[in-house]
């Protein structure tokens, strides 16, 4: 599978967090692992991950989804064919930082977790019900464990 992966961030997010090339590679590898496993029919994936502030992601949540609350991630499927997928994942650096504190993880671990979460949504997983959330969390933990093993 060919993966075109871009990572960017807004000026507001850039004030509180800066990525480096090594970490971008780690996020790309996480995205690739999930895509290859969950979406084996894909020959090409174009994925853009964008780090934003809480206020910026809230504006997207309001205008695009009609939700008036903070969220840590919003995933958009832009175009899909049987063998290609183009998508965007927007992540709040502020929410990710809070999540990391809550779950006693590093910010980098939480950002990787959120990229995995977004890809699982693109693969069709839902997290609306308690059972769906349990299944989603189990799958996220499985991928995080695989990545920590160096797979």
N, C-alpha and C. Protein backbone atom coordinates (compact mmCIF):
# COMPACT_ATOMS: atom_id res chain seq x y z
N UNK A 1 0.83 -1.17 0.00
CA UNK A 1 0.00 0.00 0.00
C UNK A 1 0.88 1.24 0.00
N UNK A 2 0.54 2.19 -0.84
CA UNK A 2 1.26 3.46 -0.89
C UNK A 2 0.55 4.44 0.03
N UNK A 3 1.30 5.03 0.96
CA UNK A 3 0.76 6.00 1.91
C UNK A 3 1.39 7.36 1.69
N UNK A 4 0.55 8.33 1.37
CA UNK A 4 1.00 9.73 1.33
C UNK A 4 0.50 10.36 2.62
N UNK A 5 1.45 10.73 3.47
CA UNK A 5 1.12 11.20 4.82
C UNK A 5 1.65 12.61 5.00
N UNK A 6 0.78 13.52 5.39
CA UNK A 6 1.23 14.87 5.70
C UNK A 6 0.83 15.20 7.13
N UNK A 7 1.70 15.92 7.79
CA UNK A 7 1.47 16.37 9.16
C UNK A 7 1.69 17.86 9.20
N UNK A 8 0.69 18.58 9.67
CA UNK A 8 0.83 20.03 9.78
C UNK A 8 0.15 20.49 11.06
N UNK A 9 0.35 21.76 11.37
CA UNK A 9 -0.31 22.31 12.54
C UNK A 9 -0.53 23.80 12.37
N UNK A 10 -1.54 24.27 13.04
CA UNK A 10 -1.87 25.69 12.98
C UNK A 10 -0.83 26.49 13.77
N UNK A 11 -0.85 27.80 13.58
CA UNK A 11 0.06 28.66 14.34
C UNK A 11 -0.24 28.56 15.83
N UNK A 12 -1.53 28.49 16.18
CA UNK A 12 -1.90 28.39 17.60
C UNK A 12 -1.37 27.10 18.21
N UNK A 13 -1.50 25.99 17.49
CA UNK A 13 -0.97 24.71 18.00
C UNK A 13 0.55 24.73 18.04
N UNK A 14 1.15 25.39 17.07
CA UNK A 14 2.60 25.46 16.99
C UNK A 14 3.21 26.20 18.18
N UNK A 15 2.44 27.10 18.78
CA UNK A 15 2.95 27.84 19.95
C UNK A 15 3.14 26.93 21.16
N UNK A 16 2.37 25.83 21.22
CA UNK A 16 2.44 24.97 22.40
C UNK A 16 3.06 23.61 22.12
N UNK A 17 3.25 23.25 20.86
CA UNK A 17 3.81 21.94 20.53
C UNK A 17 4.48 21.99 19.17
N UNK A 18 5.66 21.41 19.10
CA UNK A 18 6.38 21.33 17.82
C UNK A 18 6.73 19.87 17.53
N UNK A 19 6.46 19.46 16.32
CA UNK A 19 6.79 18.10 15.93
C UNK A 19 8.18 18.06 15.33
N UNK A 20 8.73 16.85 15.26
CA UNK A 20 10.01 16.67 14.60
C UNK A 20 9.87 15.56 13.57
N UNK A 21 10.86 15.44 12.72
CA UNK A 21 10.80 14.50 11.59
C UNK A 21 10.69 13.05 12.08
N UNK A 22 11.41 12.72 13.15
CA UNK A 22 11.36 11.36 13.68
C UNK A 22 9.95 11.02 14.15
N UNK A 23 9.32 11.96 14.85
CA UNK A 23 7.98 11.69 15.35
C UNK A 23 6.97 11.61 14.21
N UNK A 24 7.14 12.41 13.18
CA UNK A 24 6.27 12.32 12.01
C UNK A 24 6.34 10.92 11.42
N UNK A 25 7.54 10.36 11.37
CA UNK A 25 7.72 8.99 10.86
C UNK A 25 6.99 7.99 11.75
N UNK A 26 7.02 8.18 13.06
CA UNK A 26 6.32 7.28 13.97
C UNK A 26 4.81 7.33 13.75
N UNK A 27 4.28 8.53 13.55
CA UNK A 27 2.85 8.66 13.28
C UNK A 27 2.48 8.03 11.94
N UNK A 28 3.33 8.22 10.96
CA UNK A 28 3.10 7.62 9.65
C UNK A 28 3.11 6.09 9.75
N UNK A 29 4.04 5.54 10.52
CA UNK A 29 4.11 4.09 10.71
C UNK A 29 2.87 3.57 11.42
N UNK A 30 2.36 4.33 12.39
CA UNK A 30 1.14 3.93 13.09
C UNK A 30 -0.03 3.91 12.10
N UNK A 31 -0.13 4.95 11.28
CA UNK A 31 -1.21 5.02 10.29
C UNK A 31 -1.10 3.86 9.30
N UNK A 32 0.11 3.57 8.86
CA UNK A 32 0.31 2.48 7.90
C UNK A 32 -0.11 1.13 8.51
N UNK A 33 0.30 0.86 9.75
CA UNK A 33 -0.04 -0.41 10.39
C UNK A 33 -1.55 -0.59 10.47
N UNK A 34 -2.26 0.44 10.91
CA UNK A 34 -3.72 0.33 11.01
C UNK A 34 -4.33 0.16 9.62
N UNK A 35 -3.89 0.94 8.66
CA UNK A 35 -4.46 0.86 7.31
C UNK A 35 -4.24 -0.50 6.68
N UNK A 36 -3.03 -1.02 6.78
CA UNK A 36 -2.72 -2.32 6.17
C UNK A 36 -3.54 -3.44 6.82
N UNK A 37 -3.74 -3.34 8.12
CA UNK A 37 -4.46 -4.38 8.85
C UNK A 37 -5.98 -4.26 8.69
N UNK A 38 -6.49 -3.05 8.84
CA UNK A 38 -7.94 -2.85 8.85
C UNK A 38 -8.53 -2.60 7.47
N UNK A 39 -7.71 -2.10 6.55
CA UNK A 39 -8.19 -1.75 5.21
C UNK A 39 -7.30 -2.43 4.16
N UNK A 40 -7.23 -3.75 4.16
CA UNK A 40 -6.27 -4.45 3.29
C UNK A 40 -6.53 -4.26 1.80
N UNK A 41 -7.73 -3.83 1.42
CA UNK A 41 -8.05 -3.63 0.01
C UNK A 41 -7.43 -2.34 -0.54
N UNK A 42 -6.99 -1.46 0.34
CA UNK A 42 -6.45 -0.18 -0.13
C UNK A 42 -5.09 -0.37 -0.81
N UNK A 43 -4.96 0.27 -1.95
CA UNK A 43 -3.67 0.34 -2.62
C UNK A 43 -3.03 1.69 -2.38
N UNK A 44 -3.86 2.69 -2.08
CA UNK A 44 -3.33 4.03 -1.85
C UNK A 44 -4.14 4.73 -0.78
N UNK A 45 -3.43 5.34 0.17
CA UNK A 45 -4.04 6.13 1.22
C UNK A 45 -3.35 7.49 1.25
N UNK A 46 -4.16 8.54 1.14
CA UNK A 46 -3.65 9.89 1.30
C UNK A 46 -4.25 10.43 2.59
N UNK A 47 -3.39 10.62 3.59
CA UNK A 47 -3.85 11.01 4.91
C UNK A 47 -3.16 12.29 5.36
N UNK A 48 -3.96 13.26 5.73
CA UNK A 48 -3.45 14.51 6.30
C UNK A 48 -3.85 14.56 7.76
N UNK A 49 -2.87 14.77 8.63
CA UNK A 49 -3.12 14.94 10.06
C UNK A 49 -2.77 16.39 10.39
N UNK A 50 -3.71 17.06 11.04
CA UNK A 50 -3.54 18.48 11.35
C UNK A 50 -3.74 18.69 12.85
N UNK A 51 -2.74 19.27 13.50
CA UNK A 51 -2.84 19.62 14.91
C UNK A 51 -3.37 21.04 15.04
N UNK A 52 -4.40 21.19 15.88
CA UNK A 52 -5.05 22.48 16.09
C UNK A 52 -5.18 22.78 17.57
N UNK A 53 -5.63 23.99 17.90
CA UNK A 53 -5.96 24.34 19.28
C UNK A 53 -7.40 23.90 19.55
N UNK A 54 -7.79 23.93 20.83
CA UNK A 54 -9.18 23.63 21.19
C UNK A 54 -10.16 24.52 20.44
N UNK A 55 -9.90 25.83 20.42
CA UNK A 55 -10.85 26.76 19.80
C UNK A 55 -10.97 26.50 18.29
N UNK A 56 -9.87 26.14 17.66
CA UNK A 56 -9.92 25.86 16.22
C UNK A 56 -10.71 24.59 15.91
N UNK A 57 -10.50 23.55 16.72
CA UNK A 57 -11.24 22.30 16.49
C UNK A 57 -12.71 22.47 16.87
N UNK A 58 -12.99 23.27 17.89
CA UNK A 58 -14.37 23.56 18.26
C UNK A 58 -15.10 24.25 17.10
N UNK A 59 -14.44 25.16 16.42
CA UNK A 59 -15.05 25.84 15.27
C UNK A 59 -15.39 24.84 14.18
N UNK A 60 -14.51 23.89 13.91
CA UNK A 60 -14.79 22.85 12.91
C UNK A 60 -15.94 21.97 13.38
N UNK A 61 -15.94 21.63 14.66
CA UNK A 61 -17.00 20.79 15.21
C UNK A 61 -18.36 21.48 15.07
N UNK A 62 -18.38 22.78 15.30
CA UNK A 62 -19.64 23.53 15.17
C UNK A 62 -20.09 23.64 13.72
N UNK A 63 -19.18 24.06 12.85
CA UNK A 63 -19.58 24.33 11.46
C UNK A 63 -19.78 23.05 10.65
N UNK A 64 -18.96 22.04 10.87
CA UNK A 64 -19.05 20.83 10.04
C UNK A 64 -20.00 19.78 10.59
N UNK A 65 -20.07 19.67 11.92
CA UNK A 65 -20.87 18.60 12.52
C UNK A 65 -22.06 19.10 13.33
N UNK A 66 -22.13 20.42 13.56
CA UNK A 66 -23.23 20.97 14.33
C UNK A 66 -23.15 20.64 15.81
N UNK A 67 -21.95 20.33 16.31
CA UNK A 67 -21.75 20.00 17.72
C UNK A 67 -21.10 21.18 18.42
N UNK A 68 -21.63 21.55 19.57
CA UNK A 68 -21.10 22.70 20.30
C UNK A 68 -20.36 22.24 21.56
N UNK A 69 -19.34 21.40 21.34
CA UNK A 69 -18.53 20.94 22.47
C UNK A 69 -17.11 20.65 22.00
N UNK A 70 -16.20 20.66 22.96
CA UNK A 70 -14.80 20.34 22.66
C UNK A 70 -14.68 18.86 22.34
N UNK A 71 -13.74 18.55 21.50
CA UNK A 71 -13.45 17.16 21.16
C UNK A 71 -11.95 17.04 20.92
N UNK A 72 -11.43 15.83 21.00
CA UNK A 72 -10.00 15.65 20.78
C UNK A 72 -9.66 15.37 19.33
N UNK A 73 -10.62 14.83 18.57
CA UNK A 73 -10.34 14.43 17.19
C UNK A 73 -11.60 14.50 16.33
N UNK A 74 -11.41 14.90 15.10
CA UNK A 74 -12.46 14.83 14.08
C UNK A 74 -11.81 14.23 12.84
N UNK A 75 -12.47 13.23 12.28
CA UNK A 75 -11.95 12.53 11.10
C UNK A 75 -12.91 12.74 9.94
N UNK A 76 -12.38 13.13 8.80
CA UNK A 76 -13.18 13.32 7.60
C UNK A 76 -12.68 12.41 6.49
N UNK A 77 -13.59 11.65 5.93
CA UNK A 77 -13.31 10.88 4.73
C UNK A 77 -13.65 11.79 3.55
N UNK A 78 -12.66 12.13 2.76
CA UNK A 78 -12.88 13.06 1.65
C UNK A 78 -13.29 12.35 0.38
N UNK A 79 -12.62 11.23 0.10
CA UNK A 79 -12.92 10.48 -1.13
C UNK A 79 -12.50 9.03 -0.93
N UNK A 80 -13.34 8.12 -1.41
CA UNK A 80 -13.02 6.70 -1.28
C UNK A 80 -13.47 5.97 -2.53
N UNK A 81 -12.60 5.11 -3.01
CA UNK A 81 -12.94 4.14 -4.05
C UNK A 81 -12.63 2.77 -3.44
N UNK A 82 -12.89 1.69 -4.15
CA UNK A 82 -12.55 0.39 -3.56
C UNK A 82 -11.07 0.22 -3.19
N UNK A 83 -10.18 0.96 -3.85
CA UNK A 83 -8.74 0.77 -3.60
C UNK A 83 -8.01 2.02 -3.13
N UNK A 84 -8.71 3.15 -3.01
CA UNK A 84 -8.05 4.38 -2.58
C UNK A 84 -8.89 5.08 -1.51
N UNK A 85 -8.19 5.83 -0.67
CA UNK A 85 -8.86 6.60 0.37
C UNK A 85 -8.09 7.89 0.59
N UNK A 86 -8.82 8.99 0.62
CA UNK A 86 -8.25 10.28 0.97
C UNK A 86 -9.01 10.78 2.20
N UNK A 87 -8.26 11.14 3.26
CA UNK A 87 -8.91 11.53 4.52
C UNK A 87 -8.07 12.57 5.25
N UNK A 88 -8.76 13.25 6.17
CA UNK A 88 -8.10 14.22 7.04
C UNK A 88 -8.46 13.91 8.49
N UNK A 89 -7.48 14.04 9.35
CA UNK A 89 -7.69 13.87 10.79
C UNK A 89 -7.24 15.17 11.45
N UNK A 90 -8.17 15.78 12.19
CA UNK A 90 -7.87 17.01 12.93
C UNK A 90 -7.82 16.65 14.42
N UNK A 91 -6.74 17.05 15.07
CA UNK A 91 -6.52 16.70 16.47
C UNK A 91 -6.27 17.98 17.27
N UNK A 92 -6.94 18.09 18.41
CA UNK A 92 -6.69 19.20 19.32
C UNK A 92 -5.49 18.88 20.19
N UNK A 93 -4.45 19.68 20.07
CA UNK A 93 -3.26 19.52 20.93
C UNK A 93 -3.66 19.74 22.39
N UNK A 94 -4.56 20.68 22.65
CA UNK A 94 -4.99 20.96 24.01
C UNK A 94 -5.70 19.76 24.64
N UNK A 95 -6.63 19.15 23.89
CA UNK A 95 -7.34 17.96 24.40
C UNK A 95 -6.36 16.79 24.54
N UNK A 96 -5.48 16.63 23.57
CA UNK A 96 -4.50 15.53 23.65
C UNK A 96 -3.63 15.67 24.89
N UNK A 97 -3.24 16.90 25.20
CA UNK A 97 -2.42 17.14 26.40
C UNK A 97 -3.21 16.76 27.66
N UNK A 98 -4.49 17.15 27.72
CA UNK A 98 -5.33 16.80 28.87
C UNK A 98 -5.53 15.29 28.97
N UNK A 99 -5.79 14.65 27.82
CA UNK A 99 -5.94 13.19 27.80
C UNK A 99 -4.67 12.52 28.32
N UNK A 100 -3.53 12.99 27.88
CA UNK A 100 -2.25 12.40 28.30
C UNK A 100 -2.10 12.48 29.81
N UNK A 101 -2.43 13.62 30.39
CA UNK A 101 -2.36 13.76 31.85
C UNK A 101 -3.31 12.78 32.53
N UNK A 102 -4.54 12.73 32.03
CA UNK A 102 -5.57 11.87 32.62
C UNK A 102 -5.17 10.40 32.57
N UNK A 103 -4.58 9.97 31.46
CA UNK A 103 -4.25 8.55 31.29
C UNK A 103 -2.79 8.23 31.58
N UNK A 104 -2.08 9.22 32.14
CA UNK A 104 -0.68 9.06 32.53
C UNK A 104 0.18 8.58 31.36
N UNK A 105 0.03 9.28 30.26
CA UNK A 105 0.80 8.97 29.04
C UNK A 105 1.56 10.23 28.65
N UNK A 106 2.49 10.07 27.74
CA UNK A 106 3.15 11.25 27.20
C UNK A 106 2.25 11.85 26.12
N UNK A 107 2.50 13.10 25.80
CA UNK A 107 1.72 13.73 24.73
C UNK A 107 1.95 13.00 23.42
N UNK A 108 3.18 12.59 23.14
CA UNK A 108 3.45 11.87 21.89
C UNK A 108 2.70 10.55 21.83
N UNK A 109 2.60 9.83 22.96
CA UNK A 109 1.83 8.57 22.98
C UNK A 109 0.36 8.84 22.71
N UNK A 110 -0.17 9.91 23.30
CA UNK A 110 -1.57 10.23 23.11
C UNK A 110 -1.86 10.66 21.67
N UNK A 111 -0.97 11.40 21.07
CA UNK A 111 -1.16 11.80 19.66
C UNK A 111 -1.15 10.56 18.76
N UNK A 112 -0.26 9.62 19.03
CA UNK A 112 -0.24 8.37 18.26
C UNK A 112 -1.56 7.62 18.46
N UNK A 113 -2.04 7.57 19.70
CA UNK A 113 -3.31 6.94 20.01
C UNK A 113 -4.45 7.57 19.20
N UNK A 114 -4.45 8.89 19.11
CA UNK A 114 -5.52 9.58 18.39
C UNK A 114 -5.44 9.33 16.88
N UNK A 115 -4.26 9.24 16.33
CA UNK A 115 -4.13 8.89 14.90
C UNK A 115 -4.69 7.48 14.67
N UNK A 116 -4.36 6.56 15.54
CA UNK A 116 -4.91 5.19 15.44
C UNK A 116 -6.43 5.24 15.52
N UNK A 117 -6.95 6.00 16.47
CA UNK A 117 -8.40 6.14 16.65
C UNK A 117 -9.06 6.65 15.36
N UNK A 118 -8.47 7.67 14.76
CA UNK A 118 -9.02 8.21 13.52
C UNK A 118 -9.02 7.19 12.40
N UNK A 119 -7.94 6.43 12.28
CA UNK A 119 -7.87 5.40 11.23
C UNK A 119 -8.90 4.30 11.48
N UNK A 120 -9.12 3.94 12.73
CA UNK A 120 -10.14 2.93 13.03
C UNK A 120 -11.53 3.43 12.63
N UNK A 121 -11.80 4.70 12.82
CA UNK A 121 -13.07 5.25 12.33
C UNK A 121 -13.16 5.13 10.81
N UNK A 122 -12.07 5.43 10.13
CA UNK A 122 -12.06 5.30 8.66
C UNK A 122 -12.26 3.85 8.22
N UNK A 123 -11.86 2.91 9.08
CA UNK A 123 -12.06 1.49 8.78
C UNK A 123 -13.47 1.03 9.13
N UNK A 124 -14.28 1.92 9.67
CA UNK A 124 -15.68 1.58 9.94
C UNK A 124 -16.02 1.36 11.39
N UNK A 125 -15.05 1.42 12.29
CA UNK A 125 -15.36 1.22 13.70
C UNK A 125 -16.10 2.43 14.26
N UNK A 126 -17.01 2.17 15.14
CA UNK A 126 -17.81 3.21 15.79
C UNK A 126 -17.48 3.20 17.29
N UNK A 127 -17.85 4.31 17.97
CA UNK A 127 -17.65 4.37 19.42
C UNK A 127 -18.78 5.14 20.10
N UNK A 128 -20.00 4.90 19.64
CA UNK A 128 -21.16 5.58 20.21
C UNK A 128 -21.71 4.85 21.44
N UNK A 129 -21.79 3.53 21.38
CA UNK A 129 -22.33 2.75 22.49
C UNK A 129 -21.19 2.26 23.39
N UNK A 130 -21.57 1.79 24.57
CA UNK A 130 -20.56 1.26 25.51
C UNK A 130 -19.82 0.07 24.90
N UNK A 131 -20.55 -0.80 24.23
CA UNK A 131 -19.92 -1.98 23.60
C UNK A 131 -18.97 -1.57 22.49
N UNK A 132 -19.38 -0.60 21.68
CA UNK A 132 -18.51 -0.11 20.60
C UNK A 132 -17.26 0.55 21.17
N UNK A 133 -17.43 1.34 22.23
CA UNK A 133 -16.28 1.99 22.87
C UNK A 133 -15.30 0.96 23.41
N UNK A 134 -15.82 -0.09 24.02
CA UNK A 134 -14.97 -1.15 24.56
C UNK A 134 -14.17 -1.82 23.45
N UNK A 135 -14.84 -2.11 22.34
CA UNK A 135 -14.17 -2.74 21.20
C UNK A 135 -13.12 -1.80 20.60
N UNK A 136 -13.46 -0.51 20.48
CA UNK A 136 -12.52 0.48 19.94
C UNK A 136 -11.29 0.58 20.84
N UNK A 137 -11.50 0.68 22.14
CA UNK A 137 -10.37 0.81 23.08
C UNK A 137 -9.46 -0.42 23.01
N UNK A 138 -10.05 -1.59 22.91
CA UNK A 138 -9.26 -2.82 22.83
C UNK A 138 -8.39 -2.81 21.57
N UNK A 139 -8.98 -2.39 20.48
CA UNK A 139 -8.23 -2.35 19.21
C UNK A 139 -7.13 -1.29 19.27
N UNK A 140 -7.41 -0.15 19.86
CA UNK A 140 -6.39 0.89 20.01
C UNK A 140 -5.22 0.38 20.85
N UNK A 141 -5.54 -0.27 21.96
CA UNK A 141 -4.47 -0.82 22.82
C UNK A 141 -3.64 -1.86 22.08
N UNK A 142 -4.29 -2.67 21.25
CA UNK A 142 -3.58 -3.69 20.48
C UNK A 142 -2.57 -3.03 19.54
N UNK A 143 -2.99 -1.99 18.84
CA UNK A 143 -2.07 -1.29 17.92
C UNK A 143 -0.94 -0.59 18.68
N UNK A 144 -1.26 0.03 19.79
CA UNK A 144 -0.21 0.69 20.57
C UNK A 144 0.82 -0.33 21.07
N UNK A 145 0.35 -1.50 21.47
CA UNK A 145 1.26 -2.56 21.92
C UNK A 145 2.14 -3.04 20.74
N UNK A 146 1.53 -3.23 19.59
CA UNK A 146 2.28 -3.66 18.40
C UNK A 146 3.36 -2.63 18.07
N UNK A 147 3.01 -1.37 18.13
CA UNK A 147 3.98 -0.33 17.80
C UNK A 147 5.09 -0.24 18.83
N UNK A 148 4.78 -0.51 20.08
CA UNK A 148 5.83 -0.46 21.11
C UNK A 148 6.77 -1.66 20.99
N UNK A 149 6.29 -2.74 20.36
CA UNK A 149 7.13 -3.90 20.08
C UNK A 149 8.06 -3.65 18.91
N UNK A 150 7.81 -2.56 18.20
CA UNK A 150 8.64 -2.23 17.05
C UNK A 150 8.18 -2.85 15.75
N UNK A 151 6.92 -3.26 15.70
CA UNK A 151 6.35 -3.85 14.49
C UNK A 151 6.15 -2.80 13.43
